[in-house]
Amino acid sequence: MDSAISDLTGTRPPLRSTADNGLKIVIVGGFGVGKTTMVRSVSDIRPLNTEETMTRAGEGVDDADGVPTKTTTTIAFDFGRISLDERTVLYLFGAPGQERFWFLWDRLFTGTLGAVVLVDTRRLVDSWYAIDRLEQHGMPFIVASNDFGGPHYSADDVREALDLSDGIPLIECDARSRESSKEVLITLVDHLYTLSSSARESAT
């Protein structure tokens, strides 16, 4: 499966009629960390998004600290798709980052194979809720540190700040880049495969 993602090119083919195996992945994280951007950059199709313009009605409700130039927000979810081979399709869902939409996360988690926690190192505290929620659900996940051009922190610094165990992969990325976003998904799929293999070995 990981090699199938690796072999993806820049073309965006239609869904094959033979596709009958769908895998679901959710991208979560705080407001403005790049979830919508990642889905857009890597999807084979023109992604569905539910971005709306932020209005004065959201003042005092939505926390835009650290992202003063952001003018839109996802109010439901983003959706994209990647065809891995003739039969297997990866469905991507980007969760809304604003706290008032977090109630939607449980629905998005249903049937999910694993998750990517996208973080902005300038606002790591915004990622704690996503990590805690995934751990409560017992859902496998990786962490991807999105590059916003700010101060560079080492992987060890980010891991310590987020209190991540050594078994959770941490990768740097640029959500605007299709290749970089693909690497994030490859890392997640590799992690899921490792966990599955370990579970099978433990059962024998």
Foldseek 3Di string as FASTA:
>chain_A
DLVLLVPDDPAQDDQAPQADAEAEEEEEFAWPLQLQLLQCQAFSDRKDFQKDFDDPVCVVQWDCPPPVPDGIWGQAWIWGKDDSDNHYIYIYIYGTRTPVRCVNVVVSCVRHQAYEYGDEVVCLVRRQVVVVVCVVVVGAYAYEYADPPDDDDDPVVSCVVNVPDPLHHYYYAHSNHNVRSSVRVSVRVVSSVVVVVVVVVVVD
